[in-house]
Amino acid sequence: MKSLSVAQTNQIITFLEQQQSTRQIVAYTDLNHSTISQVCFELCPDLQKASGGCPSLVTSTDMHHAI
């Protein structure tokens, strides 16, 4: 991993705490995606991760009717 200054590390942590994605942080900082992911893994392991994916097309009512 590229050595980062304290200011860069603090900036990345601030963006992560604001729920910014790594792609957005890359656009702001011009750092590599893997560098930001490594900082997140090492310094912010307790941050909640986005669930991602698409919402289900089948509702619970639809499932009940299908059964």
PDB file of N, CA and C in Angstrom:
ATOM      1  N   MET A   1       0.840  -1.176   0.000  1.00  0.00           N
ATOM      2  CA  MET A   1       0.000   0.000   0.000  1.00  0.00           C
ATOM      3  C   MET A   1       0.882   1.234   0.000  1.00  0.00           C
ATOM      4  N   LYS A   2       0.495   2.218  -0.777  1.00  0.00           N
ATOM      5  CA  LYS A   2       1.213   3.481  -0.850  1.00  0.00           C
ATOM      6  C   LYS A   2       1.151   4.176   0.507  1.00  0.00           C
ATOM      7  N   SER A   3       2.282   4.733   0.947  1.00  0.00           N
ATOM      8  CA  SER A   3       2.271   5.404   2.237  1.00  0.00           C
ATOM      9  C   SER A   3       1.456   6.690   2.127  1.00  0.00           C
ATOM     10  N   LEU A   4       0.567   6.879   3.068  1.00  0.00           N
ATOM     11  CA  LEU A   4      -0.329   8.021   3.064  1.00  0.00           C
ATOM     12  C   LEU A   4       0.047   8.990   4.168  1.00  0.00           C
ATOM     13  N   SER A   5      -0.202  10.256   3.924  1.00  0.00           N
ATOM     14  CA  SER A   5       0.010  11.239   4.977  1.00  0.00           C
ATOM     15  C   SER A   5      -1.142  11.138   5.980  1.00  0.00           C
ATOM     16  N   VAL A   6      -0.942  11.726   7.119  1.00  0.00           N
ATOM     17  CA  VAL A   6      -1.973  11.712   8.152  1.00  0.00           C
ATOM     18  C   VAL A   6      -3.216  12.446   7.655  1.00  0.00           C
ATOM     19  N   ALA A   7      -3.026  13.527   6.914  1.00  0.00           N
ATOM     20  CA  ALA A   7      -4.159  14.291   6.395  1.00  0.00           C
ATOM     21  C   ALA A   7      -4.982  13.462   5.408  1.00  0.00           C
ATOM     22  N   GLN A   8      -4.300  12.717   4.532  1.00  0.00           N
ATOM     23  CA  GLN A   8      -5.010  11.864   3.572  1.00  0.00           C
ATOM     24  C   GLN A   8      -5.787  10.764   4.290  1.00  0.00           C
ATOM     25  N   THR A   9      -5.166  10.157   5.283  1.00  0.00           N
ATOM     26  CA  THR A   9      -5.832   9.097   6.039  1.00  0.00           C
ATOM     27  C   THR A   9      -7.059   9.641   6.755  1.00  0.00           C
ATOM     28  N   ASN A  10      -6.936  10.803   7.377  1.00  0.00           N
ATOM     29  CA  ASN A  10      -8.068  11.412   8.073  1.00  0.00           C
ATOM     30  C   ASN A  10      -9.179  11.775   7.095  1.00  0.00           C
ATOM     31  N   GLN A  11      -8.806  12.232   5.905  1.00  0.00           N
ATOM     32  CA  GLN A  11      -9.799  12.581   4.892  1.00  0.00           C
ATOM     33  C   GLN A  11     -10.568  11.332   4.445  1.00  0.00           C
ATOM     34  N   ILE A  12      -9.862  10.233   4.240  1.00  0.00           N
ATOM     35  CA  ILE A  12     -10.505   8.980   3.837  1.00  0.00           C
ATOM     36  C   ILE A  12     -11.453   8.503   4.933  1.00  0.00           C
ATOM     37  N   ILE A  13     -11.021   8.550   6.176  1.00  0.00           N
ATOM     38  CA  ILE A  13     -11.859   8.115   7.293  1.00  0.00           C
ATOM     39  C   ILE A  13     -13.101   8.994   7.393  1.00  0.00           C
ATOM     40  N   THR A  14     -12.948  10.296   7.187  1.00  0.00           N
ATOM     41  CA  THR A  14     -14.098  11.198   7.216  1.00  0.00           C
ATOM     42  C   THR A  14     -15.099  10.830   6.133  1.00  0.00           C
ATOM     43  N   PHE A  15     -14.621  10.576   4.921  1.00  0.00           N
ATOM     44  CA  PHE A  15     -15.509  10.177   3.834  1.00  0.00           C
ATOM     45  C   PHE A  15     -16.204   8.847   4.147  1.00  0.00           C
ATOM     46  N   LEU A  16     -15.478   7.910   4.720  1.00  0.00           N
ATOM     47  CA  LEU A  16     -16.071   6.615   5.056  1.00  0.00           C
ATOM     48  C   LEU A  16     -17.155   6.766   6.120  1.00  0.00           C
ATOM     49  N   GLU A  17     -16.923   7.624   7.096  1.00  0.00           N
ATOM     50  CA  GLU A  17     -17.915   7.847   8.142  1.00  0.00           C
ATOM     51  C   GLU A  17     -19.159   8.550   7.604  1.00  0.00           C
ATOM     52  N   GLN A  18     -19.013   9.272   6.494  1.00  0.00           N
ATOM     53  CA  GLN A  18     -20.147   9.939   5.848  1.00  0.00           C
ATOM     54  C   GLN A  18     -20.860   9.018   4.869  1.00  0.00           C
ATOM     55  N   GLN A  19     -20.532   7.737   4.921  1.00  0.00           N
ATOM     56  CA  GLN A  19     -21.153   6.704   4.076  1.00  0.00           C
ATOM     57  C   GLN A  19     -20.884   6.916   2.582  1.00  0.00           C
ATOM     58  N   GLN A  20     -19.738   7.491   2.239  1.00  0.00           N
ATOM     59  CA  GLN A  20     -19.349   7.639   0.841  1.00  0.00           C
ATOM     60  C   GLN A  20     -18.836   6.294   0.338  1.00  0.00           C
ATOM     61  N   SER A  21     -19.090   6.011  -0.923  1.00  0.00           N
ATOM     62  CA  SER A  21     -18.585   4.770  -1.502  1.00  0.00           C
ATOM     63  C   SER A  21     -17.107   4.936  -1.833  1.00  0.00           C
ATOM     64  N   THR A  22     -16.434   3.817  -2.036  1.00  0.00           N
ATOM     65  CA  THR A  22     -15.013   3.899  -2.383  1.00  0.00           C
ATOM     66  C   THR A  22     -14.825   4.570  -3.743  1.00  0.00           C
ATOM     67  N   ARG A  23     -15.762   4.386  -4.649  1.00  0.00           N
ATOM     68  CA  ARG A  23     -15.665   5.057  -5.949  1.00  0.00           C
ATOM     69  C   ARG A  23     -15.745   6.567  -5.807  1.00  0.00           C
ATOM     70  N   GLN A  24     -16.615   7.041  -4.925  1.00  0.00           N
ATOM     71  CA  GLN A  24     -16.721   8.476  -4.695  1.00  0.00           C
ATOM     72  C   GLN A  24     -15.453   9.007  -4.045  1.00  0.00           C
ATOM     73  N   ILE A  25     -14.892   8.244  -3.115  1.00  0.00           N
ATOM     74  CA  ILE A  25     -13.661   8.677  -2.448  1.00  0.00           C
ATOM     75  C   ILE A  25     -12.507   8.709  -3.440  1.00  0.00           C
ATOM     76  N   VAL A  26     -12.452   7.734  -4.360  1.00  0.00           N
ATOM     77  CA  VAL A  26     -11.418   7.729  -5.394  1.00  0.00           C
ATOM     78  C   VAL A  26     -11.520   8.996  -6.237  1.00  0.00           C
ATOM     79  N   ALA A  27     -12.740   9.408  -6.569  1.00  0.00           N
ATOM     80  CA  ALA A  27     -12.934  10.614  -7.377  1.00  0.00           C
ATOM     81  C   ALA A  27     -12.457  11.864  -6.638  1.00  0.00           C
ATOM     82  N   TYR A  28     -12.675  11.911  -5.317  1.00  0.00           N
ATOM     83  CA  TYR A  28     -12.259  13.072  -4.536  1.00  0.00           C
ATOM     84  C   TYR A  28     -10.759  13.110  -4.299  1.00  0.00           C
ATOM     85  N   THR A  29     -10.151  11.964  -4.032  1.00  0.00           N
ATOM     86  CA  THR A  29      -8.763  11.940  -3.566  1.00  0.00           C
ATOM     87  C   THR A  29      -7.737  11.542  -4.618  1.00  0.00           C
ATOM     88  N   ASP A  30      -8.174  10.973  -5.725  1.00  0.00           N
ATOM     89  CA  ASP A  30      -7.264  10.467  -6.769  1.00  0.00           C
ATOM     90  C   ASP A  30      -6.322   9.380  -6.243  1.00  0.00           C
ATOM     91  N   LEU A  31      -6.791   8.626  -5.252  1.00  0.00           N
ATOM     92  CA  LEU A  31      -6.042   7.484  -4.764  1.00  0.00           C
ATOM     93  C   LEU A  31      -6.622   6.220  -5.369  1.00  0.00           C
ATOM     94  N   ASN A  32      -5.912   5.132  -5.245  1.00  0.00           N
ATOM     95  CA  ASN A  32      -6.340   3.855  -5.791  1.00  0.00           C
ATOM     96  C   ASN A  32      -7.452   3.247  -4.932  1.00  0.00           C
ATOM     97  N   HIS A  33      -8.345   2.518  -5.577  1.00  0.00           N
ATOM     98  CA  HIS A  33      -9.462   1.855  -4.893  1.00  0.00           C
ATOM     99  C   HIS A  33      -8.958   0.899  -3.819  1.00  0.00           C
ATOM    100  N   SER A  34      -7.914   0.168  -4.127  1.00  0.00           N
ATOM    101  CA  SER A  34      -7.397  -0.808  -3.160  1.00  0.00           C
ATOM    102  C   SER A  34      -6.790  -0.113  -1.939  1.00  0.00           C
ATOM    103  N   THR A  35      -6.210   1.052  -2.116  1.00  0.00           N
ATOM    104  CA  THR A  35      -5.650   1.804  -0.991  1.00  0.00           C
ATOM    105  C   THR A  35      -6.761   2.218  -0.035  1.00  0.00           C
ATOM    106  N   ILE A  36      -7.861   2.692  -0.588  1.00  0.00           N
ATOM    107  CA  ILE A  36      -8.989   3.118   0.239  1.00  0.00           C
ATOM    108  C   ILE A  36      -9.616   1.919   0.934  1.00  0.00           C
ATOM    109  N   SER A  37      -9.730   0.809   0.236  1.00  0.00           N
ATOM    110  CA  SER A  37     -10.279  -0.401   0.845  1.00  0.00           C
ATOM    111  C   SER A  37      -9.396  -0.890   1.985  1.00  0.00           C
ATOM    112  N   GLN A  38      -8.099  -0.806   1.815  1.00  0.00           N
ATOM    113  CA  GLN A  38      -7.154  -1.233   2.851  1.00  0.00           C
ATOM    114  C   GLN A  38      -7.268  -0.346   4.086  1.00  0.00           C
ATOM    115  N   VAL A  39      -7.392   0.981   3.881  1.00  0.00           N
ATOM    116  CA  VAL A  39      -7.565   1.900   5.009  1.00  0.00           C
ATOM    117  C   VAL A  39      -8.858   1.566   5.749  1.00  0.00           C
ATOM    118  N   CYS A  40      -9.914   1.295   5.000  1.00  0.00           N
ATOM    119  CA  CYS A  40     -11.193   0.940   5.607  1.00  0.00           C
ATOM    120  C   CYS A  40     -11.064  -0.347   6.414  1.00  0.00           C
ATOM    121  N   PHE A  41     -10.390  -1.328   5.866  1.00  0.00           N
ATOM    122  CA  PHE A  41     -10.227  -2.619   6.537  1.00  0.00           C
ATOM    123  C   PHE A  41      -9.408  -2.482   7.818  1.00  0.00           C
ATOM    124  N   GLU A  42      -8.330  -1.696   7.770  1.00  0.00           N
ATOM    125  CA  GLU A  42      -7.424  -1.590   8.907  1.00  0.00           C
ATOM    126  C   GLU A  42      -7.919  -0.632   9.988  1.00  0.00           C
ATOM    127  N   LEU A  43      -8.471   0.515   9.585  1.00  0.00           N
ATOM    128  CA  LEU A  43      -8.764   1.560  10.555  1.00  0.00           C
ATOM    129  C   LEU A  43     -10.247   1.711  10.899  1.00  0.00           C
ATOM    130  N   CYS A  44     -11.120   1.187  10.067  1.00  0.00           N
ATOM    131  CA  CYS A  44     -12.565   1.342  10.303  1.00  0.00           C
ATOM    132  C   CYS A  44     -13.290   0.010  10.138  1.00  0.00           C
ATOM    133  N   PRO A  45     -12.894  -1.025  10.849  1.00  0.00           N
ATOM    134  CA  PRO A  45     -13.530  -2.327  10.638  1.00  0.00           C
ATOM    135  C   PRO A  45     -14.976  -2.389  11.135  1.00  0.00           C
ATOM    136  N   ASP A  46     -15.375  -1.440  11.997  1.00  0.00           N
ATOM    137  CA  ASP A  46     -16.709  -1.491  12.573  1.00  0.00           C
ATOM    138  C   ASP A  46     -17.753  -0.708  11.783  1.00  0.00           C
ATOM    139  N   LEU A  47     -17.358  -0.089  10.667  1.00  0.00           N
ATOM    140  CA  LEU A  47     -18.324   0.639   9.852  1.00  0.00           C
ATOM    141  C   LEU A  47     -19.302  -0.324   9.200  1.00  0.00           C
ATOM    142  N   GLN A  48     -20.547   0.105   9.138  1.00  0.00           N
ATOM    143  CA  GLN A  48     -21.568  -0.717   8.518  1.00  0.00           C
ATOM    144  C   GLN A  48     -21.406  -0.668   7.003  1.00  0.00           C
ATOM    145  N   LYS A  49     -21.486  -1.825   6.375  1.00  0.00           N
ATOM    146  CA  LYS A  49     -21.334  -1.919   4.940  1.00  0.00           C
ATOM    147  C   LYS A  49     -22.699  -1.847   4.275  1.00  0.00           C
ATOM    148  N   ALA A  50     -22.745  -1.311   3.065  1.00  0.00           N
ATOM    149  CA  ALA A  50     -23.984  -1.220   2.315  1.00  0.00           C
ATOM    150  C   ALA A  50     -24.458  -2.621   1.938  1.00  0.00           C
ATOM    151  N   SER A  51     -25.758  -2.812   1.965  1.00  0.00           N
ATOM    152  CA  SER A  51     -26.305  -4.127   1.643  1.00  0.00           C
ATOM    153  C   SER A  51     -26.197  -4.419   0.157  1.00  0.00           C
ATOM    154  N   GLY A  52     -26.328  -3.412  -0.676  1.00  0.00           N
ATOM    155  CA  GLY A  52     -26.186  -3.579  -2.120  1.00  0.00           C
ATOM    156  C   GLY A  52     -27.290  -4.422  -2.719  1.00  0.00           C
ATOM    157  N   GLY A  53     -27.204  -4.632  -3.995  1.00  0.00           N
ATOM    158  CA  GLY A  53     -28.180  -5.455  -4.680  1.00  0.00           C
ATOM    159  C   GLY A  53     -29.462  -4.714  -4.991  1.00  0.00           C
ATOM    160  N   CYS A  54     -30.351  -5.399  -5.631  1.00  0.00           N
ATOM    161  CA  CYS A  54     -31.644  -4.834  -6.019  1.00  0.00           C
ATOM    162  C   CYS A  54     -32.718  -5.336  -5.056  1.00  0.00           C
ATOM    163  N   PRO A  55     -33.779  -4.551  -4.891  1.00  0.00           N
ATOM    164  CA  PRO A  55     -34.866  -5.036  -4.055  1.00  0.00           C
ATOM    165  C   PRO A  55     -35.562  -6.222  -4.715  1.00  0.00           C
ATOM    166  N   SER A  56     -36.138  -7.053  -3.915  1.00  0.00           N
ATOM    167  CA  SER A  56     -36.813  -8.235  -4.421  1.00  0.00           C
ATOM    168  C   SER A  56     -38.047  -7.846  -5.224  1.00  0.00           C
ATOM    169  N   LEU A  57     -38.273  -8.538  -6.326  1.00  0.00           N
ATOM    170  CA  LEU A  57     -39.449  -8.292  -7.147  1.00  0.00           C
ATOM    171  C   LEU A  57     -40.666  -9.033  -6.611  1.00  0.00           C
ATOM    172  N   VAL A  58     -40.433 -10.051  -5.796  1.00  0.00           N
ATOM    173  CA  VAL A  58     -41.515 -10.849  -5.248  1.00  0.00           C
ATOM    174  C   VAL A  58     -41.764 -10.397  -3.816  1.00  0.00           C
ATOM    175  N   THR A  59     -42.969  -9.910  -3.547  1.00  0.00           N
ATOM    176  CA  THR A  59     -43.313  -9.469  -2.202  1.00  0.00           C
ATOM    177  C   THR A  59     -43.726 -10.660  -1.357  1.00  0.00           C
ATOM    178  N   SER A  60     -43.838 -10.443  -0.073  1.00  0.00           N
ATOM    179  CA  SER A  60     -44.258 -11.528   0.814  1.00  0.00           C
ATOM    180  C   SER A  60     -45.690 -11.959   0.505  1.00  0.00           C
ATOM    181  N   THR A  61     -46.529 -11.016   0.054  1.00  0.00           N
ATOM    182  CA  THR A  61     -47.902 -11.355  -0.325  1.00  0.00           C
ATOM    183  C   THR A  61     -47.902 -12.284  -1.546  1.00  0.00           C
ATOM    184  N   ASP A  62     -47.057 -11.960  -2.528  1.00  0.00           N
ATOM    185  CA  ASP A  62     -46.944 -12.804  -3.713  1.00  0.00           C
ATOM    186  C   ASP A  62     -46.477 -14.213  -3.348  1.00  0.00           C
ATOM    187  N   MET A  63     -45.515 -14.300  -2.434  1.00  0.00           N
ATOM    188  CA  MET A  63     -45.029 -15.605  -2.002  1.00  0.00           C
ATOM    189  C   MET A  63     -46.141 -16.385  -1.315  1.00  0.00           C
ATOM    190  N   HIS A  64     -46.924 -15.720  -0.504  1.00  0.00           N
ATOM    191  CA  HIS A  64     -48.026 -16.384   0.194  1.00  0.00           C
ATOM    192  C   HIS A  64     -49.048 -16.922  -0.803  1.00  0.00           C
ATOM    193  N   HIS A  65     -49.357 -16.134  -1.830  1.00  0.00           N
ATOM    194  CA  HIS A  65     -50.306 -16.588  -2.843  1.00  0.00           C
ATOM    195  C   HIS A  65     -49.739 -17.747  -3.666  1.00  0.00           C
ATOM    196  N   ALA A  66     -48.461 -17.740  -3.900  1.00  0.00           N
ATOM    197  CA  ALA A  66     -47.844 -18.801  -4.686  1.00  0.00           C
ATOM    198  C   ALA A  66     -47.853 -20.131  -3.931  1.00  0.00           C
ATOM    199  N   ILE A  67     -47.698 -20.043  -2.630  1.00  0.00           N
ATOM    200  CA  ILE A  67     -47.670 -21.263  -1.814  1.00  0.00           C
ATOM    201  C   ILE A  67     -49.062 -21.846  -1.736  1.00  0.00           C
TER     202      ILE A  67
END
